[in-house]
Amino acid sequence: MSEEKRESTGWHLKKEIQVGHLISSVVMFVGAMLYVGDIKKDVEVLKAGAAAQAKTDERQDGATKEAVNLLREQLRAMDGKLDRLIEGGRR
């Protein structure tokens, strides 16, 4: 009786491989590899986009600096003209 009880409550491992388990494991492995490959491809695309964005940012920064300098020059010219008008009106 104690031997029957020990057999029914103990662990039992089969030494066989189920085809369904094998197929599902292979499918999961292939899916994981495809997923990782897709992530790597996305990272490469983002790296290329970051480089292009850096060039665009530099170009825009240069254009903004140029516009600000042009505006400063125009304001200085207007300031000089206003000073001459004010001095001319006082005489």
C-alpha atoms as a PDB file:
ATOM      1  CA  MET A   1       0.000   0.000   0.000  1.00  0.00           C
ATOM      2  CA  SER A   2       2.761   2.432   0.851  1.00  0.00           C
ATOM      3  CA  GLU A   3       4.481   1.632  -2.452  1.00  0.00           C
ATOM      4  CA  GLU A   4       1.297   2.490  -4.420  1.00  0.00           C
ATOM      5  CA  LYS A   5       0.967   5.749  -2.494  1.00  0.00           C
ATOM      6  CA  ARG A   6       4.593   6.658  -3.229  1.00  0.00           C
ATOM      7  CA  GLU A   7       4.091   6.029  -6.973  1.00  0.00           C
ATOM      8  CA  SER A   8       0.936   8.124  -7.203  1.00  0.00           C
ATOM      9  CA  THR A   9       2.337  11.162  -5.370  1.00  0.00           C
ATOM     10  CA  GLY A  10       5.887  11.187  -6.792  1.00  0.00           C
ATOM     11  CA  TRP A  11       7.114  13.016  -9.849  1.00  0.00           C
ATOM     12  CA  HIS A  12       7.145  11.214 -13.136  1.00  0.00           C
ATOM     13  CA  LEU A  13       9.023  12.382 -16.251  1.00  0.00           C
ATOM     14  CA  LYS A  14       8.494  10.802 -19.632  1.00  0.00           C
ATOM     15  CA  LYS A  15      11.552  10.283 -21.816  1.00  0.00           C
ATOM     16  CA  GLU A  16       9.769  11.164 -25.021  1.00  0.00           C
ATOM     17  CA  ILE A  17       9.443  14.369 -27.035  1.00  0.00           C
ATOM     18  CA  GLN A  18       6.028  15.441 -28.220  1.00  0.00           C
ATOM     19  CA  VAL A  19       5.941  16.646 -31.820  1.00  0.00           C
ATOM     20  CA  GLY A  20       3.644  19.531 -30.865  1.00  0.00           C
ATOM     21  CA  HIS A  21       6.105  20.766 -28.247  1.00  0.00           C
ATOM     22  CA  LEU A  22       8.975  20.508 -30.697  1.00  0.00           C
ATOM     23  CA  ILE A  23       7.110  22.432 -33.400  1.00  0.00           C
ATOM     24  CA  SER A  24       5.921  25.128 -31.016  1.00  0.00           C
ATOM     25  CA  SER A  25       9.463  25.569 -29.635  1.00  0.00           C
ATOM     26  CA  VAL A  26      10.897  25.929 -33.144  1.00  0.00           C
ATOM     27  CA  VAL A  27       8.184  28.420 -34.116  1.00  0.00           C
ATOM     28  CA  MET A  28       8.818  30.462 -30.973  1.00  0.00           C
ATOM     29  CA  PHE A  29      12.575  30.469 -31.608  1.00  0.00           C
ATOM     30  CA  VAL A  30      12.154  31.561 -35.228  1.00  0.00           C
ATOM     31  CA  GLY A  31       9.693  34.256 -34.172  1.00  0.00           C
ATOM     32  CA  ALA A  32      12.097  35.564 -31.528  1.00  0.00           C
ATOM     33  CA  MET A  33      14.949  35.714 -34.053  1.00  0.00           C
ATOM     34  CA  LEU A  34      12.790  37.579 -36.560  1.00  0.00           C
ATOM     35  CA  TYR A  35      11.705  40.001 -33.833  1.00  0.00           C
ATOM     36  CA  VAL A  36      15.300  40.717 -32.782  1.00  0.00           C
ATOM     37  CA  GLY A  37      16.317  41.156 -36.429  1.00  0.00           C
ATOM     38  CA  ASP A  38      13.494  43.633 -36.950  1.00  0.00           C
ATOM     39  CA  ILE A  39      14.571  45.617 -33.884  1.00  0.00           C
ATOM     40  CA  LYS A  40      18.152  45.747 -35.180  1.00  0.00           C
ATOM     41  CA  LYS A  41      16.915  46.995 -38.549  1.00  0.00           C
ATOM     42  CA  ASP A  42      14.835  49.706 -36.860  1.00  0.00           C
ATOM     43  CA  VAL A  43      17.841  50.823 -34.808  1.00  0.00           C
ATOM     44  CA  GLU A  44      19.942  51.169 -37.970  1.00  0.00           C
ATOM     45  CA  VAL A  45      17.219  53.233 -39.630  1.00  0.00           C
ATOM     46  CA  LEU A  46      17.037  55.489 -36.576  1.00  0.00           C
ATOM     47  CA  LYS A  47      20.824  55.924 -36.570  1.00  0.00           C
ATOM     48  CA  ALA A  48      20.761  56.996 -40.208  1.00  0.00           C
ATOM     49  CA  GLY A  49      17.874  59.350 -39.485  1.00  0.00           C
ATOM     50  CA  ALA A  50      19.738  60.855 -36.537  1.00  0.00           C
ATOM     51  CA  ALA A  51      22.722  61.644 -38.747  1.00  0.00           C
ATOM     52  CA  ALA A  52      20.512  63.281 -41.350  1.00  0.00           C
ATOM     53  CA  GLN A  53      18.671  65.208 -38.633  1.00  0.00           C
ATOM     54  CA  ALA A  54      21.980  66.485 -37.222  1.00  0.00           C
ATOM     55  CA  LYS A  55      22.917  67.873 -40.655  1.00  0.00           C
ATOM     56  CA  THR A  56      19.508  69.521 -40.973  1.00  0.00           C
ATOM     57  CA  ASP A  57      19.834  71.016 -37.488  1.00  0.00           C
ATOM     58  CA  GLU A  58      23.268  72.456 -38.299  1.00  0.00           C
ATOM     59  CA  ARG A  59      21.947  73.983 -41.523  1.00  0.00           C
ATOM     60  CA  GLN A  60      18.964  75.515 -39.720  1.00  0.00           C
ATOM     61  CA  ASP A  61      21.191  76.862 -36.943  1.00  0.00           C
ATOM     62  CA  GLY A  62      23.430  78.504 -39.525  1.00  0.00           C
ATOM     63  CA  ALA A  63      20.450  80.034 -41.324  1.00  0.00           C
ATOM     64  CA  THR A  64      19.044  81.344 -38.030  1.00  0.00           C
ATOM     65  CA  LYS A  65      22.375  82.913 -37.048  1.00  0.00           C
ATOM     66  CA  GLU A  66      22.641  84.534 -40.453  1.00  0.00           C
ATOM     67  CA  ALA A  67      19.112  85.953 -40.186  1.00  0.00           C
ATOM     68  CA  VAL A  68      19.790  87.297 -36.677  1.00  0.00           C
ATOM     69  CA  ASN A  69      23.019  88.951 -37.831  1.00  0.00           C
ATOM     70  CA  LEU A  70      21.237  90.525 -40.803  1.00  0.00           C
ATOM     71  CA  LEU A  71      18.513  91.836 -38.491  1.00  0.00           C
ATOM     72  CA  ARG A  72      21.136  93.301 -36.136  1.00  0.00           C
ATOM     73  CA  GLU A  73      22.835  95.061 -39.052  1.00  0.00           C
ATOM     74  CA  GLN A  74      19.511  96.521 -40.185  1.00  0.00           C
ATOM     75  CA  LEU A  75      18.686  97.685 -36.667  1.00  0.00           C
ATOM     76  CA  ARG A  76      22.104  99.344 -36.349  1.00  0.00           C
ATOM     77  CA  ALA A  77      21.551 101.118 -39.682  1.00  0.00           C
ATOM     78  CA  MET A  78      18.105 102.279 -38.542  1.00  0.00           C
ATOM     79  CA  ASP A  79      19.551 103.440 -35.223  1.00  0.00           C
ATOM     80  CA  GLY A  80      22.176 105.490 -37.061  1.00  0.00           C
ATOM     81  CA  LYS A  81      19.557 107.039 -39.339  1.00  0.00           C
ATOM     82  CA  LEU A  82      17.327 107.892 -36.375  1.00  0.00           C
ATOM     83  CA  ASP A  83      20.265 109.505 -34.588  1.00  0.00           C
ATOM     84  CA  ARG A  84      20.984 111.658 -37.678  1.00  0.00           C
ATOM     85  CA  LEU A  85      17.313 112.638 -37.950  1.00  0.00           C
ATOM     86  CA  ILE A  86      17.156 113.583 -34.290  1.00  0.00           C
ATOM     87  CA  GLU A  87      20.395 115.584 -34.521  1.00  0.00           C
ATOM     88  CA  GLY A  88      19.199 117.250 -37.741  1.00  0.00           C
ATOM     89  CA  GLY A  89      15.890 118.260 -36.129  1.00  0.00           C
ATOM     90  CA  ARG A  90      17.603 119.910 -33.169  1.00  0.00           C
ATOM     91  CA  ARG A  91      19.625 122.296 -35.300  1.00  0.00           C
END
